[in-house]
Protein backbone atom coordinates (compact mmCIF):
# COMPACT_ATOMS: atom_id res chain seq x y z
CA UNK A 1 -44.38 34.13 232.68
CA UNK A 2 -41.91 31.29 232.26
CA UNK A 3 -41.44 28.63 229.57
CA UNK A 4 -40.14 25.22 230.64
CA UNK A 5 -38.40 23.36 227.81
CA UNK A 6 -38.18 19.63 228.54
CA UNK A 7 -35.52 17.79 226.53
CA UNK A 8 -35.52 13.96 226.68
CA UNK A 9 -32.09 12.62 225.66
CA UNK A 10 -30.78 9.17 224.81
CA UNK A 11 -27.40 8.68 223.11
CA UNK A 12 -27.25 12.11 221.45
CA UNK A 13 -23.56 12.95 222.00
CA UNK A 14 -23.28 14.34 218.47
CA UNK A 15 -26.17 16.79 218.80
CA UNK A 16 -26.81 17.65 222.46
CA UNK A 17 -24.44 20.62 222.65
CA UNK A 18 -25.84 22.17 219.48
CA UNK A 19 -29.52 21.77 220.36
CA UNK A 20 -29.00 23.27 223.81
CA UNK A 21 -27.08 26.18 222.28
CA UNK A 22 -29.96 26.78 219.86
CA UNK A 23 -32.46 26.73 222.73
CA UNK A 24 -30.34 29.10 224.78
CA UNK A 25 -30.01 31.71 222.02
CA UNK A 26 -33.71 31.68 221.05
CA UNK A 27 -35.18 35.06 222.00
CA UNK A 28 -38.62 34.86 223.63
CA UNK A 29 -40.99 37.32 225.31
CA UNK A 30 -40.88 35.26 228.53
CA UNK A 31 -38.30 33.70 230.82
CA UNK A 32 -37.22 30.13 230.13
CA UNK A 33 -35.80 27.15 231.95
CA UNK A 34 -34.32 24.06 230.32
CA UNK A 35 -34.82 20.63 231.87
CA UNK A 36 -32.72 17.90 230.27
CA UNK A 37 -33.56 14.30 231.14
CA UNK A 38 -30.84 11.82 230.18
CA UNK A 39 -32.60 8.49 229.74
CA UNK A 40 -29.71 6.18 230.59
CA UNK A 41 -27.41 7.10 227.69
CA UNK A 42 -24.55 4.69 227.00
CA UNK A 43 -22.44 6.94 224.75
CA UNK A 44 -20.68 10.17 225.80
CA UNK A 45 -23.94 12.08 226.38
CA UNK A 46 -23.77 11.79 230.17
CA UNK A 47 -20.23 13.13 230.30
CA UNK A 48 -21.13 16.06 228.04
CA UNK A 49 -24.16 16.92 230.14
CA UNK A 50 -22.22 16.64 233.39
CA UNK A 51 -19.78 19.28 232.10
CA UNK A 52 -22.45 21.71 230.92
CA UNK A 53 -22.53 25.16 232.44
CA UNK A 54 -25.69 26.71 231.04
CA UNK A 55 -27.79 29.22 232.98
CA UNK A 56 -31.32 28.15 233.87
CA UNK A 57 -30.61 24.55 232.85
CA UNK A 58 -31.10 21.48 235.03
CA UNK A 59 -29.96 18.00 234.06
CA UNK A 60 -31.59 14.84 235.43
CA UNK A 61 -29.95 11.45 234.97
CA UNK A 62 -31.64 8.03 234.83
CA UNK A 63 -29.74 4.86 235.72
CA UNK A 64 -31.14 2.94 232.76
CA UNK A 65 -33.09 3.54 229.58
CA UNK A 66 -36.86 3.68 230.13
CA UNK A 67 -38.08 5.47 227.01
CA UNK A 68 -39.10 8.93 225.80
CA UNK A 69 -42.45 8.91 227.59
CA UNK A 70 -40.88 8.05 230.94
CA UNK A 71 -38.22 10.75 230.51
CA UNK A 72 -40.85 13.34 229.67
CA UNK A 73 -43.01 12.48 232.68
CA UNK A 74 -40.01 13.02 234.92
CA UNK A 75 -39.25 16.34 233.25
CA UNK A 76 -42.87 17.50 233.43
CA UNK A 77 -42.93 16.94 237.18
CA UNK A 78 -39.78 19.04 237.60
CA UNK A 79 -40.94 21.87 235.31
CA UNK A 80 -41.84 25.13 237.07
CA UNK A 81 -42.99 27.14 234.04
CA UNK A 82 -46.42 28.47 233.12
CA UNK A 83 -45.98 26.84 229.69
CA UNK A 84 -44.22 23.52 229.01
CA UNK A 85 -42.68 22.63 225.63
CA UNK A 86 -41.25 19.29 224.47
CA UNK A 87 -37.98 19.54 222.51
CA UNK A 88 -36.27 16.49 221.01
CA UNK A 89 -32.47 16.48 221.22
CA UNK A 90 -31.73 15.32 217.67
CA UNK A 91 -31.83 18.62 215.70
CA UNK A 92 -34.83 17.49 213.62
CA UNK A 93 -36.87 20.39 215.08
CA UNK A 94 -35.72 24.01 215.21
CA UNK A 95 -36.05 26.05 218.45
CA UNK A 96 -36.22 29.21 216.33
CA UNK A 97 -39.86 28.24 215.75
CA UNK A 98 -40.83 28.53 219.44
CA UNK A 99 -42.53 31.93 218.94
CA UNK A 100 -45.11 30.58 216.49
CA UNK A 101 -45.71 27.48 218.62
CA UNK A 102 -46.33 29.67 221.64
CA UNK A 103 -48.50 32.27 219.89
CA UNK A 104 -51.90 30.48 220.22
CA UNK A 105 -51.28 29.94 223.95
CA UNK A 106 -49.99 33.46 224.61
CA UNK A 107 -53.02 34.83 222.73
CA UNK A 108 -55.30 32.90 225.09
CA UNK A 109 -56.75 30.74 222.31
CA UNK A 110 -55.19 27.36 223.10
CA UNK A 111 -54.50 25.03 226.01
CA UNK A 112 -52.17 22.89 223.89
CA UNK A 113 -50.33 23.29 220.59
CA UNK A 114 -48.95 20.48 218.42
CA UNK A 115 -46.46 21.05 215.62
CA UNK A 116 -47.20 19.60 212.19
CA UNK A 117 -44.73 18.66 209.47
CA UNK A 118 -47.54 18.36 206.95
CA UNK A 119 -49.05 21.85 206.92
CA UNK A 120 -47.56 25.26 206.19
CA UNK A 121 -44.74 26.28 203.88
CA UNK A 122 -41.70 25.47 206.04
CA UNK A 123 -38.87 23.36 204.52
CA UNK A 124 -38.84 19.61 205.05
CA UNK A 125 -36.11 17.12 204.32
CA UNK A 126 -37.37 14.39 201.99
CA UNK A 127 -36.74 10.93 203.43
CA UNK A 128 -38.56 7.61 203.85
CA UNK A 129 -41.85 7.00 201.99
CA UNK A 130 -43.00 4.26 204.36
CA UNK A 131 -42.40 6.47 207.40
CA UNK A 132 -44.44 9.22 205.77
CA UNK A 133 -47.27 6.83 204.93
CA UNK A 134 -47.15 5.23 208.37
CA UNK A 135 -47.38 8.63 210.07
CA UNK A 136 -50.37 9.59 207.96
CA UNK A 137 -52.21 6.32 208.62
CA UNK A 138 -51.53 6.46 212.36
CA UNK A 139 -52.76 10.05 212.48
CA UNK A 140 -55.96 9.17 210.63
CA UNK A 141 -56.57 6.19 212.93
CA UNK A 142 -55.96 8.35 216.01
CA UNK A 143 -58.31 11.03 214.68
CA UNK A 144 -61.05 8.47 214.03
CA UNK A 145 -60.98 7.24 217.62
CA UNK A 146 -60.42 10.61 219.29
CA UNK A 147 -62.64 12.82 217.14
CA UNK A 148 -59.78 15.16 216.21
CA UNK A 149 -58.56 16.58 212.90
CA UNK A 150 -54.80 16.52 213.44
CA UNK A 151 -52.50 16.27 210.43
CA UNK A 152 -49.41 15.00 212.29
CA UNK A 153 -50.08 13.17 215.55
CA UNK A 154 -46.49 11.89 215.72
CA UNK A 155 -44.72 15.28 215.45
CA UNK A 156 -42.23 15.93 218.24
CA UNK A 157 -43.27 19.47 219.14
CA UNK A 158 -45.94 19.53 221.85
CA UNK A 159 -46.70 22.59 224.02
CA UNK A 160 -49.06 22.88 227.01
CA UNK A 161 -50.17 25.41 229.56
CA UNK A 162 -49.33 24.30 233.09
CA UNK A 163 -53.03 23.98 233.92
CA UNK A 164 -53.68 21.81 230.86
CA UNK A 165 -50.71 19.55 231.52
CA UNK A 166 -51.71 19.11 235.15
CA UNK A 167 -55.08 17.75 233.99
CA UNK A 168 -53.50 14.91 232.02
CA UNK A 169 -50.12 14.32 233.69
CA UNK A 170 -51.45 11.99 236.44
CA UNK A 171 -52.79 9.62 233.75
CA UNK A 172 -49.76 9.55 231.45
CA UNK A 173 -48.17 6.09 231.42
CA UNK A 174 -46.60 5.29 228.02
CA UNK A 175 -42.84 4.84 228.40
CA UNK A 176 -41.48 4.77 224.85
CA UNK A 177 -42.69 6.44 221.66
CA UNK A 178 -46.24 5.58 222.71
CA UNK A 179 -46.16 9.02 224.32
CA UNK A 180 -47.29 10.63 221.04
CA UNK A 181 -50.55 8.66 220.54
CA UNK A 182 -51.22 8.74 224.27
CA UNK A 183 -50.90 12.51 224.57
CA UNK A 184 -53.24 13.03 221.61
CA UNK A 185 -55.83 10.78 223.26
CA UNK A 186 -55.43 12.48 226.66
CA UNK A 187 -55.82 15.95 225.14
CA UNK A 188 -58.97 14.85 223.30
CA UNK A 189 -60.53 13.19 226.34
CA UNK A 190 -59.76 16.23 228.52
CA UNK A 191 -61.43 18.43 225.85
CA UNK A 192 -58.49 20.82 225.80
CA UNK A 193 -58.41 23.61 223.23
CA UNK A 194 -55.89 22.22 220.74
CA UNK A 195 -54.17 24.10 217.91
CA UNK A 196 -51.77 22.85 215.24
CA UNK A 197 -48.90 24.93 213.82
CA UNK A 198 -46.84 24.17 210.71
CA UNK A 199 -43.17 23.50 211.46
CA UNK A 200 -40.02 22.72 209.50
CA UNK A 201 -38.44 19.28 209.70
CA UNK A 202 -34.80 18.29 209.25
CA UNK A 203 -35.29 14.55 209.53
CA UNK A 204 -32.30 12.26 209.88
CA UNK A 205 -31.50 8.81 208.54
CA UNK A 206 -30.79 5.69 210.59
CA UNK A 207 -27.08 6.11 209.90
CA UNK A 208 -27.39 9.61 211.38
CA UNK A 209 -28.95 8.26 214.58
CA UNK A 210 -32.71 7.91 213.97
CA UNK A 211 -34.14 5.53 216.59
CA UNK A 212 -37.84 4.94 215.88
CA UNK A 213 -38.54 1.83 213.80
CA UNK A 214 -41.34 -0.34 212.39
CA UNK A 215 -41.89 -2.03 215.76
CA UNK A 216 -42.73 1.35 217.27
CA UNK A 217 -45.20 1.89 214.43
CA UNK A 218 -46.98 -1.38 215.22
CA UNK A 219 -46.95 -0.55 218.92
CA UNK A 220 -48.51 2.83 218.13
CA UNK A 221 -51.62 1.09 216.78
CA UNK A 222 -52.12 -0.61 220.15
CA UNK A 223 -51.40 2.62 222.03
CA UNK A 224 -54.03 4.46 219.98
CA UNK A 225 -56.65 1.81 220.75
CA UNK A 226 -55.69 1.53 224.40
CA UNK A 227 -55.57 5.23 225.28
CA UNK A 228 -58.48 6.28 223.07
CA UNK A 229 -60.94 3.61 224.15
CA UNK A 230 -59.93 1.89 227.36
CA UNK A 231 -57.43 3.65 229.59
C-alpha cells in the first residue's frame, strides 16, 4: 500500500524545508509519496521548492494564487496512493502523528479520518479566544446541517481512502478555506465511515504567518449552508 501526502503551499519559505523533512523522516508501515502544490507563492517558496531533491516527492506550480481548496484538488488528482492525507505546510500539525491518523483506515474501520484539536491529551499552544470560539460555533453549525458529531470541523488533518476520495472529488469546488466545511458536508452526504483522532496543535500567530482571518470565518457560514443543503 502507498500513502500520498498532499501539501498545499502558499508563501511558506520559512517552514517548507522543515515540514518536508519531518514528512520524509516519519516511519510508516507503507510506502509514501509527497505531492507539493505551490499555490502561486510570491516569496522564496518557489525557489526553495525548485531546488529540492527529495525522493518520492513531486512539486506542482501554479501561476497565481487560487486558494487551499484549489491546490488540494490538483494534488488529489495527481495522487497515486491507496490512502491520501492532507498536510499543511506551516508546522502547526506534526507528521509524527500519521500512524494514529492512519490506524482507523488500516484497521478497516474508516473511509475517512479527521484530526481534532479538541479531543485527546496532546499538547496545544494557547492562542486566540475568538478563533477558538469561532471554530467551535462553525463545527456545531456544520454538525447540525450534516448530522455529524465532529468536534473540530476546521482541523487541517484530513485522511481518505482512495475509493472514498474518488466518490467526492468530482464534486469538490471550494477554492479557499471553504475546503474544510465543504469536505465535511461531502463526507456526510456520501455516508462515508468517518472517524476523529485527537492531534496536537502548534498554532502560530499572524506575525508568524497565520493566514486565515475573520472574513474566512464569515465565508465558512455560507459554505456550510451551500454544501450541506444545496450543492
